[in-house]
Amino acid sequence: MNSFEEKATHLSGDLKEREQLIREKDSLIIELNRKLKSKESDTAQAEAVMRDTKRRLVETEKNLAESMKR
């Protein structure tokens, strides 16, 4: 193998390694985005439950206050 072929083979190997690293990086970014969206969804659900619980608590306190007036 001459020097040119050796360099070409070496560069080809480097390129394949870089392509693999880029695919891994892209895969990790996709996974991270998926987890982030899941966390945002979990947070939104928790906030909705909190709002509903707070609304029910206020309603219950109001009903309790009305029943104590009787």
PDB file of N, CA and C in Angstrom:
ATOM      1  N   MET A   1       0.846  -1.179   0.000  1.00  0.00           N
ATOM      2  CA  MET A   1       0.000   0.000   0.000  1.00  0.00           C
ATOM      3  C   MET A   1       0.889   1.239   0.000  1.00  0.00           C
ATOM      4  N   ASN A   2       0.597   2.164  -0.870  1.00  0.00           N
ATOM      5  CA  ASN A   2       1.417   3.369  -0.890  1.00  0.00           C
ATOM      6  C   ASN A   2       0.892   4.358   0.139  1.00  0.00           C
ATOM      7  N   SER A   3       1.600   5.418   0.296  1.00  0.00           N
ATOM      8  CA  SER A   3       1.293   6.427   1.309  1.00  0.00           C
ATOM      9  C   SER A   3      -0.088   7.036   1.095  1.00  0.00           C
ATOM     10  N   PHE A   4      -0.441   7.263  -0.174  1.00  0.00           N
ATOM     11  CA  PHE A   4      -1.744   7.852  -0.478  1.00  0.00           C
ATOM     12  C   PHE A   4      -2.873   6.916  -0.039  1.00  0.00           C
ATOM     13  N   GLU A   5      -2.743   5.626  -0.344  1.00  0.00           N
ATOM     14  CA  GLU A   5      -3.766   4.646   0.032  1.00  0.00           C
ATOM     15  C   GLU A   5      -3.877   4.523   1.547  1.00  0.00           C
ATOM     16  N   GLU A   6      -2.741   4.571   2.232  1.00  0.00           N
ATOM     17  CA  GLU A   6      -2.751   4.490   3.696  1.00  0.00           C
ATOM     18  C   GLU A   6      -3.487   5.688   4.292  1.00  0.00           C
ATOM     19  N   LYS A   7      -3.199   6.874   3.770  1.00  0.00           N
ATOM     20  CA  LYS A   7      -3.873   8.080   4.261  1.00  0.00           C
ATOM     21  C   LYS A   7      -5.374   8.009   3.981  1.00  0.00           C
ATOM     22  N   ALA A   8      -5.727   7.534   2.773  1.00  0.00           N
ATOM     23  CA  ALA A   8      -7.142   7.421   2.406  1.00  0.00           C
ATOM     24  C   ALA A   8      -7.854   6.428   3.321  1.00  0.00           C
ATOM     25  N   THR A   9      -7.208   5.308   3.611  1.00  0.00           N
ATOM     26  CA  THR A   9      -7.789   4.303   4.505  1.00  0.00           C
ATOM     27  C   THR A   9      -7.951   4.873   5.905  1.00  0.00           C
ATOM     28  N   HIS A  10      -6.933   5.577   6.360  1.00  0.00           N
ATOM     29  CA  HIS A  10      -6.969   6.191   7.693  1.00  0.00           C
ATOM     30  C   HIS A  10      -8.089   7.230   7.769  1.00  0.00           C
ATOM     31  N   LEU A  11      -8.184   8.085   6.743  1.00  0.00           N
ATOM     32  CA  LEU A  11      -9.227   9.113   6.720  1.00  0.00           C
ATOM     33  C   LEU A  11     -10.618   8.491   6.644  1.00  0.00           C
ATOM     34  N   SER A  12     -10.733   7.409   5.896  1.00  0.00           N
ATOM     35  CA  SER A  12     -12.014   6.714   5.781  1.00  0.00           C
ATOM     36  C   SER A  12     -12.437   6.165   7.146  1.00  0.00           C
ATOM     37  N   GLY A  13     -11.475   5.608   7.873  1.00  0.00           N
ATOM     38  CA  GLY A  13     -11.753   5.102   9.226  1.00  0.00           C
ATOM     39  C   GLY A  13     -12.161   6.227  10.154  1.00  0.00           C
ATOM     40  N   ASP A  14     -11.445   7.359  10.072  1.00  0.00           N
ATOM     41  CA  ASP A  14     -11.786   8.528  10.891  1.00  0.00           C
ATOM     42  C   ASP A  14     -13.194   9.021  10.574  1.00  0.00           C
ATOM     43  N   LEU A  15     -13.514   9.048   9.277  1.00  0.00           N
ATOM     44  CA  LEU A  15     -14.828   9.520   8.848  1.00  0.00           C
ATOM     45  C   LEU A  15     -15.932   8.609   9.384  1.00  0.00           C
ATOM     46  N   LYS A  16     -15.727   7.301   9.293  1.00  0.00           N
ATOM     47  CA  LYS A  16     -16.720   6.352   9.807  1.00  0.00           C
ATOM     48  C   LYS A  16     -16.892   6.516  11.315  1.00  0.00           C
ATOM     49  N   GLU A  17     -15.779   6.722  12.015  1.00  0.00           N
ATOM     50  CA  GLU A  17     -15.845   6.919  13.466  1.00  0.00           C
ATOM     51  C   GLU A  17     -16.618   8.202  13.791  1.00  0.00           C
ATOM     52  N   ARG A  18     -16.348   9.265  13.045  1.00  0.00           N
ATOM     53  CA  ARG A  18     -17.059  10.533  13.272  1.00  0.00           C
ATOM     54  C   ARG A  18     -18.545  10.388  12.974  1.00  0.00           C
ATOM     55  N   GLU A  19     -18.859   9.675  11.887  1.00  0.00           N
ATOM     56  CA  GLU A  19     -20.270   9.450  11.549  1.00  0.00           C
ATOM     57  C   GLU A  19     -20.976   8.684  12.665  1.00  0.00           C
ATOM     58  N   GLN A  20     -20.298   7.689  13.219  1.00  0.00           N
ATOM     59  CA  GLN A  20     -20.872   6.915  14.321  1.00  0.00           C
ATOM     60  C   GLN A  20     -21.083   7.808  15.546  1.00  0.00           C
ATOM     61  N   LEU A  21     -20.107   8.651  15.842  1.00  0.00           N
ATOM     62  CA  LEU A  21     -20.234   9.561  16.984  1.00  0.00           C
ATOM     63  C   LEU A  21     -21.382  10.552  16.772  1.00  0.00           C
ATOM     64  N   ILE A  22     -21.533  11.022  15.548  1.00  0.00           N
ATOM     65  CA  ILE A  22     -22.635  11.945  15.240  1.00  0.00           C
ATOM     66  C   ILE A  22     -23.978  11.237  15.415  1.00  0.00           C
ATOM     67  N   ARG A  23     -24.073   9.983  14.952  1.00  0.00           N
ATOM     68  CA  ARG A  23     -25.319   9.220  15.135  1.00  0.00           C
ATOM     69  C   ARG A  23     -25.616   9.030  16.621  1.00  0.00           C
ATOM     70  N   GLU A  24     -24.588   8.707  17.405  1.00  0.00           N
ATOM     71  CA  GLU A  24     -24.773   8.546  18.853  1.00  0.00           C
ATOM     72  C   GLU A  24     -25.233   9.853  19.484  1.00  0.00           C
ATOM     73  N   LYS A  25     -24.597  10.955  19.083  1.00  0.00           N
ATOM     74  CA  LYS A  25     -24.968  12.269  19.617  1.00  0.00           C
ATOM     75  C   LYS A  25     -26.413  12.597  19.267  1.00  0.00           C
ATOM     76  N   ASP A  26     -26.795  12.375  18.009  1.00  0.00           N
ATOM     77  CA  ASP A  26     -28.172  12.631  17.580  1.00  0.00           C
ATOM     78  C   ASP A  26     -29.156  11.779  18.374  1.00  0.00           C
ATOM     79  N   SER A  27     -28.802  10.532  18.584  1.00  0.00           N
ATOM     80  CA  SER A  27     -29.655   9.624  19.345  1.00  0.00           C
ATOM     81  C   SER A  27     -29.818  10.114  20.790  1.00  0.00           C
ATOM     82  N   LEU A  28     -28.731  10.573  21.379  1.00  0.00           N
ATOM     83  CA  LEU A  28     -28.790  11.093  22.749  1.00  0.00           C
ATOM     84  C   LEU A  28     -29.636  12.356  22.827  1.00  0.00           C
ATOM     85  N   ILE A  29     -29.519  13.214  21.826  1.00  0.00           N
ATOM     86  CA  ILE A  29     -30.322  14.444  21.797  1.00  0.00           C
ATOM     87  C   ILE A  29     -31.805  14.092  21.698  1.00  0.00           C
ATOM     88  N   ILE A  30     -32.136  13.130  20.848  1.00  0.00           N
ATOM     89  CA  ILE A  30     -33.534  12.704  20.707  1.00  0.00           C
ATOM     90  C   ILE A  30     -34.046  12.140  22.031  1.00  0.00           C
ATOM     91  N   GLU A  31     -33.241  11.309  22.663  1.00  0.00           N
ATOM     92  CA  GLU A  31     -33.631  10.726  23.954  1.00  0.00           C
ATOM     93  C   GLU A  31     -33.818  11.814  25.007  1.00  0.00           C
ATOM     94  N   LEU A  32     -32.920  12.778  25.042  1.00  0.00           N
ATOM     95  CA  LEU A  32     -33.012  13.877  25.999  1.00  0.00           C
ATOM     96  C   LEU A  32     -34.279  14.691  25.762  1.00  0.00           C
ATOM     97  N   ASN A  33     -34.578  14.999  24.508  1.00  0.00           N
ATOM     98  CA  ASN A  33     -35.796  15.746  24.178  1.00  0.00           C
ATOM     99  C   ASN A  33     -37.038  14.976  24.595  1.00  0.00           C
ATOM    100  N   ARG A  34     -37.024  13.667  24.377  1.00  0.00           N
ATOM    101  CA  ARG A  34     -38.159  12.826  24.761  1.00  0.00           C
ATOM    102  C   ARG A  34     -38.358  12.880  26.280  1.00  0.00           C
ATOM    103  N   LYS A  35     -37.256  12.767  27.016  1.00  0.00           N
ATOM    104  CA  LYS A  35     -37.345  12.817  28.479  1.00  0.00           C
ATOM    105  C   LYS A  35     -37.800  14.188  28.954  1.00  0.00           C
ATOM    106  N   LEU A  36     -37.319  15.234  28.309  1.00  0.00           N
ATOM    107  CA  LEU A  36     -37.714  16.590  28.680  1.00  0.00           C
ATOM    108  C   LEU A  36     -39.206  16.786  28.460  1.00  0.00           C
ATOM    109  N   LYS A  37     -39.700  16.337  27.315  1.00  0.00           N
ATOM    110  CA  LYS A  37     -41.138  16.455  27.038  1.00  0.00           C
ATOM    111  C   LYS A  37     -41.946  15.661  28.046  1.00  0.00           C
ATOM    112  N   SER A  38     -41.439  14.501  28.428  1.00  0.00           N
ATOM    113  CA  SER A  38     -42.124  13.674  29.423  1.00  0.00           C
ATOM    114  C   SER A  38     -42.173  14.396  30.762  1.00  0.00           C
ATOM    115  N   LYS A  39     -41.052  15.015  31.139  1.00  0.00           N
ATOM    116  CA  LYS A  39     -41.009  15.771  32.403  1.00  0.00           C
ATOM    117  C   LYS A  39     -41.964  16.948  32.348  1.00  0.00           C
ATOM    118  N   GLU A  40     -41.999  17.650  31.204  1.00  0.00           N
ATOM    119  CA  GLU A  40     -42.915  18.787  31.057  1.00  0.00           C
ATOM    120  C   GLU A  40     -44.355  18.313  31.177  1.00  0.00           C
ATOM    121  N   SER A  41     -44.636  17.160  30.590  1.00  0.00           N
ATOM    122  CA  SER A  41     -45.981  16.597  30.658  1.00  0.00           C
ATOM    123  C   SER A  41     -46.311  16.228  32.102  1.00  0.00           C
ATOM    124  N   ASP A  42     -45.355  15.589  32.790  1.00  0.00           N
ATOM    125  CA  ASP A  42     -45.560  15.231  34.195  1.00  0.00           C
ATOM    126  C   ASP A  42     -45.806  16.476  35.028  1.00  0.00           C
ATOM    127  N   THR A  43     -45.036  17.526  34.768  1.00  0.00           N
ATOM    128  CA  THR A  43     -45.187  18.783  35.504  1.00  0.00           C
ATOM    129  C   THR A  43     -46.554  19.395  35.230  1.00  0.00           C
ATOM    130  N   ALA A  44     -46.963  19.393  33.979  1.00  0.00           N
ATOM    131  CA  ALA A  44     -48.270  19.952  33.617  1.00  0.00           C
ATOM    132  C   ALA A  44     -49.389  19.167  34.287  1.00  0.00           C
ATOM    133  N   GLN A  45     -49.255  17.849  34.328  1.00  0.00           N
ATOM    134  CA  GLN A  45     -50.266  17.023  34.992  1.00  0.00           C
ATOM    135  C   GLN A  45     -50.304  17.321  36.484  1.00  0.00           C
ATOM    136  N   ALA A  46     -49.143  17.444  37.100  1.00  0.00           N
ATOM    137  CA  ALA A  46     -49.083  17.739  38.534  1.00  0.00           C
ATOM    138  C   ALA A  46     -49.708  19.099  38.822  1.00  0.00           C
ATOM    139  N   GLU A  47     -49.429  20.078  37.968  1.00  0.00           N
ATOM    140  CA  GLU A  47     -50.014  21.412  38.160  1.00  0.00           C
ATOM    141  C   GLU A  47     -51.529  21.367  38.007  1.00  0.00           C
ATOM    142  N   ALA A  48     -52.023  20.584  37.063  1.00  0.00           N
ATOM    143  CA  ALA A  48     -53.475  20.455  36.870  1.00  0.00           C
ATOM    144  C   ALA A  48     -54.119  19.808  38.093  1.00  0.00           C
ATOM    145  N   VAL A  49     -53.481  18.795  38.634  1.00  0.00           N
ATOM    146  CA  VAL A  49     -53.997  18.137  39.842  1.00  0.00           C
ATOM    147  C   VAL A  49     -53.992  19.117  41.007  1.00  0.00           C
ATOM    148  N   MET A  50     -52.923  19.905  41.136  1.00  0.00           N
ATOM    149  CA  MET A  50     -52.858  20.904  42.217  1.00  0.00           C
ATOM    150  C   MET A  50     -53.976  21.925  42.081  1.00  0.00           C
ATOM    151  N   ARG A  51     -54.194  22.433  40.871  1.00  0.00           N
ATOM    152  CA  ARG A  51     -55.265  23.415  40.662  1.00  0.00           C
ATOM    153  C   ARG A  51     -56.622  22.821  41.016  1.00  0.00           C
ATOM    154  N   ASP A  52     -56.860  21.596  40.579  1.00  0.00           N
ATOM    155  CA  ASP A  52     -58.134  20.939  40.863  1.00  0.00           C
ATOM    156  C   ASP A  52     -58.301  20.715  42.363  1.00  0.00           C
ATOM    157  N   THR A  53     -57.241  20.284  43.024  1.00  0.00           N
ATOM    158  CA  THR A  53     -57.296  20.053  44.470  1.00  0.00           C
ATOM    159  C   THR A  53     -57.548  21.358  45.204  1.00  0.00           C
ATOM    160  N   LYS A  54     -56.872  22.409  44.779  1.00  0.00           N
ATOM    161  CA  LYS A  54     -57.068  23.722  45.407  1.00  0.00           C
ATOM    162  C   LYS A  54     -58.511  24.192  45.219  1.00  0.00           C
ATOM    163  N   ARG A  55     -59.052  24.012  44.008  1.00  0.00           N
ATOM    164  CA  ARG A  55     -60.435  24.397  43.728  1.00  0.00           C
ATOM    165  C   ARG A  55     -61.398  23.609  44.618  1.00  0.00           C
ATOM    166  N   ARG A  56     -61.163  22.301  44.742  1.00  0.00           N
ATOM    167  CA  ARG A  56     -62.026  21.473  45.587  1.00  0.00           C
ATOM    168  C   ARG A  56     -61.902  21.851  47.056  1.00  0.00           C
ATOM    169  N   LEU A  57     -60.698  22.215  47.487  1.00  0.00           N
ATOM    170  CA  LEU A  57     -60.490  22.634  48.872  1.00  0.00           C
ATOM    171  C   LEU A  57     -61.266  23.910  49.161  1.00  0.00           C
ATOM    172  N   VAL A  58     -61.169  24.883  48.253  1.00  0.00           N
ATOM    173  CA  VAL A  58     -61.899  26.145  48.424  1.00  0.00           C
ATOM    174  C   VAL A  58     -63.403  25.866  48.466  1.00  0.00           C
ATOM    175  N   GLU A  59     -63.860  25.005  47.575  1.00  0.00           N
ATOM    176  CA  GLU A  59     -65.280  24.653  47.534  1.00  0.00           C
ATOM    177  C   GLU A  59     -65.709  23.971  48.837  1.00  0.00           C
ATOM    178  N   THR A  60     -64.884  23.072  49.336  1.00  0.00           N
ATOM    179  CA  THR A  60     -65.191  22.371  50.585  1.00  0.00           C
ATOM    180  C   THR A  60     -65.213  23.337  51.757  1.00  0.00           C
ATOM    181  N   GLU A  61     -64.232  24.246  51.815  1.00  0.00           N
ATOM    182  CA  GLU A  61     -64.199  25.241  52.898  1.00  0.00           C
ATOM    183  C   GLU A  61     -65.444  26.124  52.844  1.00  0.00           C
ATOM    184  N   LYS A  62     -65.848  26.497  51.635  1.00  0.00           N
ATOM    185  CA  LYS A  62     -67.045  27.324  51.467  1.00  0.00           C
ATOM    186  C   LYS A  62     -68.280  26.567  51.960  1.00  0.00           C
ATOM    187  N   ASN A  63     -68.396  25.302  51.571  1.00  0.00           N
ATOM    188  CA  ASN A  63     -69.527  24.483  52.017  1.00  0.00           C
ATOM    189  C   ASN A  63     -69.516  24.298  53.533  1.00  0.00           C
ATOM    190  N   LEU A  64     -68.335  24.124  54.097  1.00  0.00           N
ATOM    191  CA  LEU A  64     -68.206  23.970  55.548  1.00  0.00           C
ATOM    192  C   LEU A  64     -68.638  25.245  56.256  1.00  0.00           C
ATOM    193  N   ALA A  65     -68.184  26.385  55.743  1.00  0.00           N
ATOM    194  CA  ALA A  65     -68.558  27.672  56.344  1.00  0.00           C
ATOM    195  C   ALA A  65     -70.069  27.866  56.275  1.00  0.00           C
ATOM    196  N   GLU A  66     -70.681  27.501  55.156  1.00  0.00           N
ATOM    197  CA  GLU A  66     -72.134  27.631  55.013  1.00  0.00           C
ATOM    198  C   GLU A  66     -72.864  26.703  55.982  1.00  0.00           C
ATOM    199  N   SER A  67     -72.337  25.495  56.147  1.00  0.00           N
ATOM    200  CA  SER A  67     -73.006  24.546  57.041  1.00  0.00           C
ATOM    201  C   SER A  67     -72.877  24.970  58.499  1.00  0.00           C
ATOM    202  N   MET A  68     -71.808  25.681  58.827  1.00  0.00           N
ATOM    203  CA  MET A  68     -71.626  26.144  60.211  1.00  0.00           C
ATOM    204  C   MET A  68     -72.562  27.307  60.521  1.00  0.00           C
ATOM    205  N   LYS A  69     -73.003  28.026  59.502  1.00  0.00           N
ATOM    206  CA  LYS A  69     -73.919  29.147  59.701  1.00  0.00           C
ATOM    207  C   LYS A  69     -75.310  28.649  60.074  1.00  0.00           C
ATOM    208  N   ARG A  70     -75.635  27.437  59.690  1.00  0.00           N
ATOM    209  CA  ARG A  70     -76.982  26.915  59.935  1.00  0.00           C
ATOM    210  C   ARG A  70     -77.184  26.517  61.354  1.00  0.00           C
TER     211      ARG A  70
END
